[in-house]
């Protein structure tokens, strides 16, 4: 279960492909709205709208330098998502182990 509404907001924000692309760009470091818009071939108003959603969900933060805003990723939402996803790893590992056992059984049946 998520610990706060912020985590659900982060998932919701990341459900949009352009926002995922923005997050991927920001992995390499801070960028301005103009740089993001140019690299993704989006209009600046559309990019600003996506950045607003990402900022409100806590995924990015802005640093103002003169008349430009530099956006960067915040690590906390990704740590929370990773912790949540970790709770599913045990289930997936069990399923993969079961598949491995089943494949071994099939191989043993084929061998004379």
PDB file of N, CA and C in Angstrom:
ATOM      1  N   UNK A   1       0.847  -1.173   0.000  1.00  0.00           N
ATOM      2  CA  UNK A   1       0.000   0.000   0.000  1.00  0.00           C
ATOM      3  C   UNK A   1       0.895   1.240   0.000  1.00  0.00           C
ATOM      4  N   UNK A   2       0.451   2.225  -0.719  1.00  0.00           N
ATOM      5  CA  UNK A   2       1.223   3.469  -0.748  1.00  0.00           C
ATOM      6  C   UNK A   2       1.130   4.166   0.596  1.00  0.00           C
ATOM      7  N   UNK A   3       2.193   4.858   0.940  1.00  0.00           N
ATOM      8  CA  UNK A   3       2.235   5.544   2.224  1.00  0.00           C
ATOM      9  C   UNK A   3       1.550   6.895   2.195  1.00  0.00           C
ATOM     10  N   UNK A   4       1.436   7.500   1.000  1.00  0.00           N
ATOM     11  CA  UNK A   4       0.811   8.821   0.928  1.00  0.00           C
ATOM     12  C   UNK A   4       0.200   9.033  -0.442  1.00  0.00           C
ATOM     13  N   UNK A   5      -0.654  10.031  -0.549  1.00  0.00           N
ATOM     14  CA  UNK A   5      -1.239  10.391  -1.830  1.00  0.00           C
ATOM     15  C   UNK A   5      -0.193  10.849  -2.823  1.00  0.00           C
ATOM     16  N   UNK A   6       0.955  11.302  -2.319  1.00  0.00           N
ATOM     17  CA  UNK A   6       2.027  11.766  -3.186  1.00  0.00           C
ATOM     18  C   UNK A   6       2.514  10.644  -4.097  1.00  0.00           C
ATOM     19  N   UNK A   7       2.564   9.419  -3.579  1.00  0.00           N
ATOM     20  CA  UNK A   7       3.024   8.291  -4.378  1.00  0.00           C
ATOM     21  C   UNK A   7       2.062   7.999  -5.528  1.00  0.00           C
ATOM     22  N   UNK A   8       0.773   8.073  -5.253  1.00  0.00           N
ATOM     23  CA  UNK A   8      -0.232   7.852  -6.289  1.00  0.00           C
ATOM     24  C   UNK A   8      -0.157   8.967  -7.323  1.00  0.00           C
ATOM     25  N   UNK A   9       0.076  10.186  -6.877  1.00  0.00           N
ATOM     26  CA  UNK A   9       0.231  11.300  -7.819  1.00  0.00           C
ATOM     27  C   UNK A   9       1.439  11.075  -8.721  1.00  0.00           C
ATOM     28  N   UNK A  10       2.511  10.522  -8.166  1.00  0.00           N
ATOM     29  CA  UNK A  10       3.711  10.275  -8.964  1.00  0.00           C
ATOM     30  C   UNK A  10       3.421   9.237 -10.037  1.00  0.00           C
ATOM     31  N   UNK A  11       2.745   8.158  -9.681  1.00  0.00           N
ATOM     32  CA  UNK A  11       2.389   7.142 -10.673  1.00  0.00           C
ATOM     33  C   UNK A  11       1.495   7.722 -11.750  1.00  0.00           C
ATOM     34  N   UNK A  12       0.530   8.501 -11.336  1.00  0.00           N
ATOM     35  CA  UNK A  12      -0.392   9.123 -12.293  1.00  0.00           C
ATOM     36  C   UNK A  12       0.365  10.062 -13.235  1.00  0.00           C
ATOM     37  N   UNK A  13       1.278  10.833 -12.693  1.00  0.00           N
ATOM     38  CA  UNK A  13       2.054  11.763 -13.519  1.00  0.00           C
ATOM     39  C   UNK A  13       2.917  11.016 -14.520  1.00  0.00           C
ATOM     40  N   UNK A  14       3.433   9.878 -14.119  1.00  0.00           N
ATOM     41  CA  UNK A  14       4.318   9.106 -14.999  1.00  0.00           C
ATOM     42  C   UNK A  14       3.560   8.278 -16.031  1.00  0.00           C
ATOM     43  N   UNK A  15       2.242   8.280 -15.960  1.00  0.00           N
ATOM     44  CA  UNK A  15       1.437   7.492 -16.899  1.00  0.00           C
ATOM     45  C   UNK A  15       1.370   8.127 -18.285  1.00  0.00           C
ATOM     46  N   UNK A  16       1.822   9.353 -18.427  1.00  0.00           N
ATOM     47  CA  UNK A  16       1.757  10.066 -19.705  1.00  0.00           C
ATOM     48  C   UNK A  16       3.116   9.958 -20.402  1.00  0.00           C
ATOM     49  N   UNK A  17       3.145   9.487 -21.654  1.00  0.00           N
ATOM     50  CA  UNK A  17       4.416   9.260 -22.357  1.00  0.00           C
ATOM     51  C   UNK A  17       5.340  10.477 -22.440  1.00  0.00           C
ATOM     52  N   UNK A  18       4.809  11.659 -22.671  1.00  0.00           N
ATOM     53  CA  UNK A  18       5.680  12.841 -22.749  1.00  0.00           C
ATOM     54  C   UNK A  18       6.362  13.107 -21.413  1.00  0.00           C
ATOM     55  N   UNK A  19       5.667  12.825 -20.322  1.00  0.00           N
ATOM     56  CA  UNK A  19       6.266  13.048 -19.000  1.00  0.00           C
ATOM     57  C   UNK A  19       7.362  12.026 -18.729  1.00  0.00           C
ATOM     58  N   UNK A  20       7.143  10.795 -19.168  1.00  0.00           N
ATOM     59  CA  UNK A  20       8.201   9.783 -19.043  1.00  0.00           C
ATOM     60  C   UNK A  20       9.428  10.233 -19.829  1.00  0.00           C
ATOM     61  N   UNK A  21       9.214  10.766 -21.029  1.00  0.00           N
ATOM     62  CA  UNK A  21      10.336  11.257 -21.845  1.00  0.00           C
ATOM     63  C   UNK A  21      11.064  12.395 -21.150  1.00  0.00           C
ATOM     64  N   UNK A  22      10.321  13.275 -20.507  1.00  0.00           N
ATOM     65  CA  UNK A  22      10.945  14.383 -19.765  1.00  0.00           C
ATOM     66  C   UNK A  22      11.790  13.833 -18.628  1.00  0.00           C
ATOM     67  N   UNK A  23      11.246  12.877 -17.888  1.00  0.00           N
ATOM     68  CA  UNK A  23      11.983  12.272 -16.774  1.00  0.00           C
ATOM     69  C   UNK A  23      13.259  11.606 -17.288  1.00  0.00           C
ATOM     70  N   UNK A  24      13.173  10.929 -18.411  1.00  0.00           N
ATOM     71  CA  UNK A  24      14.365  10.289 -18.970  1.00  0.00           C
ATOM     72  C   UNK A  24      15.423  11.320 -19.358  1.00  0.00           C
ATOM     73  N   UNK A  25      14.987  12.443 -19.898  1.00  0.00           N
ATOM     74  CA  UNK A  25      15.948  13.503 -20.228  1.00  0.00           C
ATOM     75  C   UNK A  25      16.621  14.054 -18.974  1.00  0.00           C
ATOM     76  N   UNK A  26      15.838  14.223 -17.921  1.00  0.00           N
ATOM     77  CA  UNK A  26      16.360  14.834 -16.702  1.00  0.00           C
ATOM     78  C   UNK A  26      17.259  13.895 -15.891  1.00  0.00           C
ATOM     79  N   UNK A  27      17.315  12.623 -16.269  1.00  0.00           N
ATOM     80  CA  UNK A  27      18.235  11.697 -15.586  1.00  0.00           C
ATOM     81  C   UNK A  27      19.679  12.164 -15.728  1.00  0.00           C
ATOM     82  N   UNK A  28      19.977  12.820 -16.842  1.00  0.00           N
ATOM     83  CA  UNK A  28      21.354  13.254 -17.112  1.00  0.00           C
ATOM     84  C   UNK A  28      21.694  14.586 -16.464  1.00  0.00           C
ATOM     85  N   UNK A  29      20.703  15.253 -15.869  1.00  0.00           N
ATOM     86  CA  UNK A  29      20.969  16.520 -15.199  1.00  0.00           C
ATOM     87  C   UNK A  29      19.899  17.552 -15.501  1.00  0.00           C
ATOM     88  N   UNK A  30      19.973  18.686 -14.819  1.00  0.00           N
ATOM     89  CA  UNK A  30      18.966  19.739 -14.971  1.00  0.00           C
ATOM     90  C   UNK A  30      18.921  20.312 -16.386  1.00  0.00           C
ATOM     91  N   UNK A  31      17.705  20.680 -16.799  1.00  0.00           N
ATOM     92  CA  UNK A  31      17.480  21.322 -18.096  1.00  0.00           C
ATOM     93  C   UNK A  31      16.431  22.409 -17.941  1.00  0.00           C
ATOM     94  N   UNK A  32      16.473  23.372 -18.853  1.00  0.00           N
ATOM     95  CA  UNK A  32      15.440  24.409 -18.884  1.00  0.00           C
ATOM     96  C   UNK A  32      14.243  23.907 -19.680  1.00  0.00           C
ATOM     97  N   UNK A  33      13.142  24.625 -19.561  1.00  0.00           N
ATOM     98  CA  UNK A  33      11.935  24.286 -20.326  1.00  0.00           C
ATOM     99  C   UNK A  33      12.256  24.289 -21.814  1.00  0.00           C
ATOM    100  N   UNK A  34      12.975  25.302 -22.258  1.00  0.00           N
ATOM    101  CA  UNK A  34      13.323  25.414 -23.673  1.00  0.00           C
ATOM    102  C   UNK A  34      14.156  24.236 -24.165  1.00  0.00           C
ATOM    103  N   UNK A  35      15.118  23.809 -23.368  1.00  0.00           N
ATOM    104  CA  UNK A  35      15.956  22.666 -23.754  1.00  0.00           C
ATOM    105  C   UNK A  35      15.135  21.386 -23.848  1.00  0.00           C
ATOM    106  N   UNK A  36      14.231  21.199 -22.891  1.00  0.00           N
ATOM    107  CA  UNK A  36      13.381  20.009 -22.909  1.00  0.00           C
ATOM    108  C   UNK A  36      12.458  20.042 -24.116  1.00  0.00           C
ATOM    109  N   UNK A  37      11.834  21.190 -24.348  1.00  0.00           N
ATOM    110  CA  UNK A  37      10.912  21.328 -25.483  1.00  0.00           C
ATOM    111  C   UNK A  37      11.631  21.046 -26.804  1.00  0.00           C
ATOM    112  N   UNK A  38      12.818  21.576 -26.943  1.00  0.00           N
ATOM    113  CA  UNK A  38      13.582  21.381 -28.177  1.00  0.00           C
ATOM    114  C   UNK A  38      13.938  19.911 -28.394  1.00  0.00           C
ATOM    115  N   UNK A  39      14.424  19.270 -27.353  1.00  0.00           N
ATOM    116  CA  UNK A  39      14.852  17.867 -27.487  1.00  0.00           C
ATOM    117  C   UNK A  39      13.686  16.922 -27.759  1.00  0.00           C
ATOM    118  N   UNK A  40      12.507  17.248 -27.199  1.00  0.00           N
ATOM    119  CA  UNK A  40      11.343  16.381 -27.400  1.00  0.00           C
ATOM    120  C   UNK A  40      10.446  16.848 -28.535  1.00  0.00           C
ATOM    121  N   UNK A  41      10.846  17.953 -29.157  1.00  0.00           N
ATOM    122  CA  UNK A  41      10.059  18.533 -30.253  1.00  0.00           C
ATOM    123  C   UNK A  41       8.610  18.793 -29.833  1.00  0.00           C
ATOM    124  N   UNK A  42       8.483  19.408 -28.640  1.00  0.00           N
ATOM    125  CA  UNK A  42       7.187  19.826 -28.113  1.00  0.00           C
ATOM    126  C   UNK A  42       7.166  21.345 -28.056  1.00  0.00           C
ATOM    127  N   UNK A  43       5.975  21.915 -28.041  1.00  0.00           N
ATOM    128  CA  UNK A  43       5.886  23.362 -27.865  1.00  0.00           C
ATOM    129  C   UNK A  43       6.271  23.698 -26.426  1.00  0.00           C
ATOM    130  N   UNK A  44       6.728  24.913 -26.225  1.00  0.00           N
ATOM    131  CA  UNK A  44       7.123  25.320 -24.879  1.00  0.00           C
ATOM    132  C   UNK A  44       5.921  25.330 -23.921  1.00  0.00           C
ATOM    133  N   UNK A  45       4.730  25.823 -24.347  1.00  0.00           N
ATOM    134  CA  UNK A  45       3.582  25.772 -23.430  1.00  0.00           C
ATOM    135  C   UNK A  45       3.204  24.337 -23.029  1.00  0.00           C
ATOM    136  N   UNK A  46       3.263  23.414 -23.983  1.00  0.00           N
ATOM    137  CA  UNK A  46       2.937  22.016 -23.678  1.00  0.00           C
ATOM    138  C   UNK A  46       3.969  21.435 -22.716  1.00  0.00           C
ATOM    139  N   UNK A  47       5.235  21.745 -22.941  1.00  0.00           N
ATOM    140  CA  UNK A  47       6.292  21.265 -22.058  1.00  0.00           C
ATOM    141  C   UNK A  47       6.106  21.832 -20.651  1.00  0.00           C
ATOM    142  N   UNK A  48       5.778  23.111 -20.567  1.00  0.00           N
ATOM    143  CA  UNK A  48       5.547  23.744 -19.261  1.00  0.00           C
ATOM    144  C   UNK A  48       4.383  23.084 -18.532  1.00  0.00           C
ATOM    145  N   UNK A  49       3.361  22.723 -19.268  1.00  0.00           N
ATOM    146  CA  UNK A  49       2.190  22.063 -18.665  1.00  0.00           C
ATOM    147  C   UNK A  49       2.595  20.713 -18.076  1.00  0.00           C
ATOM    148  N   UNK A  50       3.388  19.941 -18.829  1.00  0.00           N
ATOM    149  CA  UNK A  50       3.846  18.648 -18.330  1.00  0.00           C
ATOM    150  C   UNK A  50       4.760  18.824 -17.113  1.00  0.00           C
ATOM    151  N   UNK A  51       5.627  19.822 -17.157  1.00  0.00           N
ATOM    152  CA  UNK A  51       6.525  20.076 -16.034  1.00  0.00           C
ATOM    153  C   UNK A  51       5.750  20.490 -14.787  1.00  0.00           C
ATOM    154  N   UNK A  52       4.665  21.202 -14.970  1.00  0.00           N
ATOM    155  CA  UNK A  52       3.830  21.598 -13.836  1.00  0.00           C
ATOM    156  C   UNK A  52       3.257  20.360 -13.153  1.00  0.00           C
ATOM    157  N   UNK A  53       2.767  19.414 -13.937  1.00  0.00           N
ATOM    158  CA  UNK A  53       2.225  18.169 -13.370  1.00  0.00           C
ATOM    159  C   UNK A  53       3.329  17.413 -12.637  1.00  0.00           C
ATOM    160  N   UNK A  54       4.499  17.316 -13.239  1.00  0.00           N
ATOM    161  CA  UNK A  54       5.619  16.626 -12.611  1.00  0.00           C
ATOM    162  C   UNK A  54       6.062  17.332 -11.327  1.00  0.00           C
ATOM    163  N   UNK A  55       6.023  18.649 -11.330  1.00  0.00           N
ATOM    164  CA  UNK A  55       6.400  19.423 -10.139  1.00  0.00           C
ATOM    165  C   UNK A  55       5.371  19.237  -9.022  1.00  0.00           C
ATOM    166  N   UNK A  56       4.092  19.302  -9.380  1.00  0.00           N
ATOM    167  CA  UNK A  56       3.038  19.149  -8.374  1.00  0.00           C
ATOM    168  C   UNK A  56       3.011  17.744  -7.779  1.00  0.00           C
ATOM    169  N   UNK A  57       3.468  16.757  -8.535  1.00  0.00           N
ATOM    170  CA  UNK A  57       3.510  15.384  -8.028  1.00  0.00           C
ATOM    171  C   UNK A  57       4.782  15.111  -7.231  1.00  0.00           C
ATOM    172  N   UNK A  58       5.698  16.093  -7.215  1.00  0.00           N
ATOM    173  CA  UNK A  58       6.927  15.957  -6.442  1.00  0.00           C
ATOM    174  C   UNK A  58       8.062  15.269  -7.175  1.00  0.00           C
ATOM    175  N   UNK A  59       7.884  15.000  -8.466  1.00  0.00           N
ATOM    176  CA  UNK A  59       8.909  14.286  -9.231  1.00  0.00           C
ATOM    177  C   UNK A  59      10.062  15.201  -9.625  1.00  0.00           C
ATOM    178  N   UNK A  60       9.745  16.443  -9.959  1.00  0.00           N
ATOM    179  CA  UNK A  60      10.794  17.409 -10.321  1.00  0.00           C
ATOM    180  C   UNK A  60      10.682  18.633  -9.433  1.00  0.00           C
ATOM    181  N   UNK A  61      11.752  19.387  -9.414  1.00  0.00           N
ATOM    182  CA  UNK A  61      11.740  20.683  -8.756  1.00  0.00           C
ATOM    183  C   UNK A  61      12.447  21.675  -9.667  1.00  0.00           C
ATOM    184  N   UNK A  62      12.093  22.941  -9.493  1.00  0.00           N
ATOM    185  CA  UNK A  62      12.659  23.985 -10.346  1.00  0.00           C
ATOM    186  C   UNK A  62      13.573  24.888  -9.524  1.00  0.00           C
ATOM    187  N   UNK A  63      14.657  25.297 -10.160  1.00  0.00           N
ATOM    188  CA  UNK A  63      15.566  26.283  -9.585  1.00  0.00           C
ATOM    189  C   UNK A  63      15.563  27.471 -10.525  1.00  0.00           C
ATOM    190  N   UNK A  64      15.258  28.627  -9.994  1.00  0.00           N
ATOM    191  CA  UNK A  64      15.186  29.832 -10.818  1.00  0.00           C
ATOM    192  C   UNK A  64      16.552  30.500 -10.848  1.00  0.00           C
ATOM    193  N   UNK A  65      17.017  30.801 -12.070  1.00  0.00           N
ATOM    194  CA  UNK A  65      18.282  31.489 -12.277  1.00  0.00           C
ATOM    195  C   UNK A  65      18.005  32.605 -13.282  1.00  0.00           C
ATOM    196  N   UNK A  66      17.950  33.833 -12.781  1.00  0.00           N
ATOM    197  CA  UNK A  66      17.572  34.998 -13.607  1.00  0.00           C
ATOM    198  C   UNK A  66      16.163  34.765 -14.140  1.00  0.00           C
ATOM    199  N   UNK A  67      16.003  34.696 -15.455  1.00  0.00           N
ATOM    200  CA  UNK A  67      14.666  34.510 -16.023  1.00  0.00           C
ATOM    201  C   UNK A  67      14.438  33.078 -16.519  1.00  0.00           C
ATOM    202  N   UNK A  68      15.302  32.147 -16.119  1.00  0.00           N
ATOM    203  CA  UNK A  68      15.159  30.753 -16.559  1.00  0.00           C
ATOM    204  C   UNK A  68      14.917  29.848 -15.361  1.00  0.00           C
ATOM    205  N   UNK A  69      14.165  28.789 -15.623  1.00  0.00           N
ATOM    206  CA  UNK A  69      13.915  27.770 -14.612  1.00  0.00           C
ATOM    207  C   UNK A  69      14.636  26.492 -15.046  1.00  0.00           C
ATOM    208  N   UNK A  70      15.454  25.988 -14.162  1.00  0.00           N
ATOM    209  CA  UNK A  70      16.123  24.721 -14.405  1.00  0.00           C
ATOM    210  C   UNK A  70      15.382  23.641 -13.630  1.00  0.00           C
ATOM    211  N   UNK A  71      14.967  22.591 -14.333  1.00  0.00           N
ATOM    212  CA  UNK A  71      14.244  21.497 -13.715  1.00  0.00           C
ATOM    213  C   UNK A  71      15.178  20.323 -13.498  1.00  0.00           C
ATOM    214  N   UNK A  72      15.007  19.676 -12.345  1.00  0.00           N
ATOM    215  CA  UNK A  72      15.791  18.496 -12.033  1.00  0.00           C
ATOM    216  C   UNK A  72      14.902  17.495 -11.317  1.00  0.00           C
ATOM    217  N   UNK A  73      15.306  16.230 -11.373  1.00  0.00           N
ATOM    218  CA  UNK A  73      14.557  15.170 -10.712  1.00  0.00           C
ATOM    219  C   UNK A  73      14.800  15.220  -9.210  1.00  0.00           C
ATOM    220  N   UNK A  74      13.763  14.872  -8.463  1.00  0.00           N
ATOM    221  CA  UNK A  74      13.888  14.680  -7.021  1.00  0.00           C
ATOM    222  C   UNK A  74      13.977  13.175  -6.781  1.00  0.00           C
ATOM    223  N   UNK A  75      14.890  12.710  -5.966  1.00  0.00           N
ATOM    224  CA  UNK A  75      15.053  11.261  -5.770  1.00  0.00           C
ATOM    225  C   UNK A  75      13.955  10.610  -4.926  1.00  0.00           C
ATOM    226  N   UNK A  76      13.332  11.356  -4.034  1.00  0.00           N
ATOM    227  CA  UNK A  76      12.391  10.763  -3.080  1.00  0.00           C
ATOM    228  C   UNK A  76      11.237   9.991  -3.722  1.00  0.00           C
ATOM    229  N   UNK A  77      10.560  10.530  -4.748  1.00  0.00           N
ATOM    230  CA  UNK A  77       9.462   9.759  -5.343  1.00  0.00           C
ATOM    231  C   UNK A  77       9.926   8.447  -5.966  1.00  0.00           C
ATOM    232  N   UNK A  78      11.125   8.432  -6.517  1.00  0.00           N
ATOM    233  CA  UNK A  78      11.646   7.219  -7.150  1.00  0.00           C
ATOM    234  C   UNK A  78      12.031   6.185  -6.093  1.00  0.00           C
ATOM    235  N   UNK A  79      12.523   6.642  -4.958  1.00  0.00           N
ATOM    236  CA  UNK A  79      12.824   5.728  -3.858  1.00  0.00           C
ATOM    237  C   UNK A  79      11.539   5.101  -3.326  1.00  0.00           C
ATOM    238  N   UNK A  80      10.481   5.910  -3.197  1.00  0.00           N
ATOM    239  CA  UNK A  80       9.189   5.394  -2.725  1.00  0.00           C
ATOM    240  C   UNK A  80       8.621   4.378  -3.713  1.00  0.00           C
ATOM    241  N   UNK A  81       8.705   4.668  -5.000  1.00  0.00           N
ATOM    242  CA  UNK A  81       8.218   3.728  -6.011  1.00  0.00           C
ATOM    243  C   UNK A  81       9.041   2.447  -6.009  1.00  0.00           C
ATOM    244  N   UNK A  82      10.351   2.573  -5.838  1.00  0.00           N
ATOM    245  CA  UNK A  82      11.207   1.394  -5.804  1.00  0.00           C
ATOM    246  C   UNK A  82      10.863   0.515  -4.600  1.00  0.00           C
ATOM    247  N   UNK A  83      10.630   1.134  -3.456  1.00  0.00           N
ATOM    248  CA  UNK A  83      10.243   0.370  -2.264  1.00  0.00           C
ATOM    249  C   UNK A  83       8.926  -0.357  -2.486  1.00  0.00           C
ATOM    250  N   UNK A  84       7.984   0.291  -3.131  1.00  0.00           N
ATOM    251  CA  UNK A  84       6.684  -0.323  -3.407  1.00  0.00           C
ATOM    252  C   UNK A  84       6.854  -1.495  -4.370  1.00  0.00           C
ATOM    253  N   UNK A  85       7.624  -1.285  -5.437  1.00  0.00           N
ATOM    254  CA  UNK A  85       7.849  -2.347  -6.409  1.00  0.00           C
ATOM    255  C   UNK A  85       8.594  -3.527  -5.792  1.00  0.00           C
ATOM    256  N   UNK A  86       9.458  -3.243  -4.823  1.00  0.00           N
ATOM    257  CA  UNK A  86      10.200  -4.306  -4.149  1.00  0.00           C
ATOM    258  C   UNK A  86       9.247  -5.327  -3.524  1.00  0.00           C
ATOM    259  N   UNK A  87       8.099  -4.869  -3.058  1.00  0.00           N
ATOM    260  CA  UNK A  87       7.140  -5.784  -2.438  1.00  0.00           C
ATOM    261  C   UNK A  87       6.596  -6.808  -3.435  1.00  0.00           C
ATOM    262  N   UNK A  88       6.722  -6.559  -4.732  1.00  0.00           N
ATOM    263  CA  UNK A  88       6.255  -7.481  -5.757  1.00  0.00           C
ATOM    264  C   UNK A  88       7.358  -8.427  -6.233  1.00  0.00           C
ATOM    265  N   UNK A  89       8.599  -8.124  -5.929  1.00  0.00           N
ATOM    266  CA  UNK A  89       9.719  -8.933  -6.419  1.00  0.00           C
ATOM    267  C   UNK A  89       9.659 -10.368  -5.913  1.00  0.00           C
ATOM    268  N   UNK A  90       9.292 -10.547  -4.650  1.00  0.00           N
ATOM    269  CA  UNK A  90       9.211 -11.890  -4.086  1.00  0.00           C
ATOM    270  C   UNK A  90       8.202 -12.731  -4.863  1.00  0.00           C
ATOM    271  N   UNK A  91       7.065 -12.155  -5.173  1.00  0.00           N
ATOM    272  CA  UNK A  91       6.038 -12.862  -5.932  1.00  0.00           C
ATOM    273  C   UNK A  91       6.576 -13.261  -7.307  1.00  0.00           C
ATOM    274  N   UNK A  92       7.254 -12.355  -7.985  1.00  0.00           N
ATOM    275  CA  UNK A  92       7.787 -12.646  -9.314  1.00  0.00           C
ATOM    276  C   UNK A  92       8.901 -13.691  -9.247  1.00  0.00           C
ATOM    277  N   UNK A  93       9.738 -13.614  -8.236  1.00  0.00           N
ATOM    278  CA  UNK A  93      10.801 -14.604  -8.086  1.00  0.00           C
ATOM    279  C   UNK A  93      10.213 -15.991  -7.861  1.00  0.00           C
ATOM    280  N   UNK A  94       9.143 -16.075  -7.060  1.00  0.00           N
ATOM    281  CA  UNK A  94       8.475 -17.362  -6.837  1.00  0.00           C
ATOM    282  C   UNK A  94       7.918 -17.917  -8.143  1.00  0.00           C
ATOM    283  N   UNK A  95       7.323 -17.061  -8.942  1.00  0.00           N
ATOM    284  CA  UNK A  95       6.769 -17.522 -10.215  1.00  0.00           C
ATOM    285  C   UNK A  95       7.871 -17.997 -11.164  1.00  0.00           C
ATOM    286  N   UNK A  96       8.966 -17.274 -11.189  1.00  0.00           N
ATOM    287  CA  UNK A  96      10.081 -17.690 -12.044  1.00  0.00           C
ATOM    288  C   UNK A  96      10.686 -19.006 -11.554  1.00  0.00           C
ATOM    289  N   UNK A  97      10.758 -19.176 -10.236  1.00  0.00           N
ATOM    290  CA  UNK A  97      11.249 -20.447  -9.693  1.00  0.00           C
ATOM    291  C   UNK A  97      10.318 -21.587 -10.087  1.00  0.00           C
ATOM    292  N   UNK A  98       9.003 -21.356 -10.007  1.00  0.00           N
ATOM    293  CA  UNK A  98       8.029 -22.376 -10.408  1.00  0.00           C
ATOM    294  C   UNK A  98       8.176 -22.717 -11.892  1.00  0.00           C
ATOM    295  N   UNK A  99       8.386 -21.716 -12.722  1.00  0.00           N
ATOM    296  CA  UNK A  99       8.581 -21.952 -14.149  1.00  0.00           C
ATOM    297  C   UNK A  99       9.851 -22.769 -14.386  1.00  0.00           C
ATOM    298  N   UNK A 100      10.901 -22.420 -13.669  1.00  0.00           N
ATOM    299  CA  UNK A 100      12.150 -23.153 -13.794  1.00  0.00           C
ATOM    300  C   UNK A 100      11.961 -24.625 -13.409  1.00  0.00           C
ATOM    301  N   UNK A 101      11.243 -24.870 -12.315  1.00  0.00           N
ATOM    302  CA  UNK A 101      10.957 -26.243 -11.889  1.00  0.00           C
ATOM    303  C   UNK A 101      10.159 -26.987 -12.958  1.00  0.00           C
ATOM    304  N   UNK A 102       9.170 -26.337 -13.518  1.00  0.00           N
ATOM    305  CA  UNK A 102       8.330 -26.952 -14.544  1.00  0.00           C
ATOM    306  C   UNK A 102       9.152 -27.304 -15.789  1.00  0.00           C
ATOM    307  N   UNK A 103      10.019 -26.399 -16.207  1.00  0.00           N
ATOM    308  CA  UNK A 103      10.867 -26.662 -17.375  1.00  0.00           C
ATOM    309  C   UNK A 103      11.814 -27.833 -17.112  1.00  0.00           C
ATOM    310  N   UNK A 104      12.338 -27.937 -15.911  1.00  0.00           N
ATOM    311  CA  UNK A 104      13.194 -29.078 -15.562  1.00  0.00           C
ATOM    312  C   UNK A 104      12.397 -30.384 -15.618  1.00  0.00           C
ATOM    313  N   UNK A 105      11.155 -30.345 -15.150  1.00  0.00           N
ATOM    314  CA  UNK A 105      10.302 -31.535 -15.214  1.00  0.00           C
ATOM    315  C   UNK A 105      10.068 -31.961 -16.665  1.00  0.00           C
ATOM    316  N   UNK A 106       9.807 -30.990 -17.515  1.00  0.00           N
ATOM    317  CA  UNK A 106       9.593 -31.306 -18.932  1.00  0.00           C
ATOM    318  C   UNK A 106      10.841 -31.923 -19.558  1.00  0.00           C
ATOM    319  N   UNK A 107      11.997 -31.368 -19.242  1.00  0.00           N
ATOM    320  CA  UNK A 107      13.246 -31.902 -19.776  1.00  0.00           C
ATOM    321  C   UNK A 107      13.486 -33.327 -19.286  1.00  0.00           C
ATOM    322  N   UNK A 108      13.183 -33.586 -18.030  1.00  0.00           N
ATOM    323  CA  UNK A 108      13.388 -34.927 -17.469  1.00  0.00           C
ATOM    324  C   UNK A 108      12.447 -35.950 -18.103  1.00  0.00           C
ATOM    325  N   UNK A 109      11.255 -35.517 -18.498  1.00  0.00           N
ATOM    326  CA  UNK A 109      10.309 -36.430 -19.144  1.00  0.00           C
ATOM    327  C   UNK A 109      10.774 -36.819 -20.548  1.00  0.00           C
ATOM    328  N   UNK A 110      11.465 -35.916 -21.221  1.00  0.00           N
ATOM    329  CA  UNK A 110      11.926 -36.169 -22.591  1.00  0.00           C
ATOM    330  C   UNK A 110      13.139 -37.082 -22.618  1.00  0.00           C
ATOM    331  N   UNK A 111      13.952 -37.058 -21.556  1.00  0.00           N
ATOM    332  CA  UNK A 111      15.169 -37.867 -21.526  1.00  0.00           C
ATOM    333  C   UNK A 111      14.801 -39.328 -21.255  1.00  0.00           C
ATOM    334  N   UNK A 112      15.374 -40.278 -22.034  1.00  0.00           N
ATOM    335  CA  UNK A 112      15.052 -41.706 -21.848  1.00  0.00           C
ATOM    336  C   UNK A 112      15.664 -42.289 -20.599  1.00  0.00           C
TER     337      UNK A 112
END
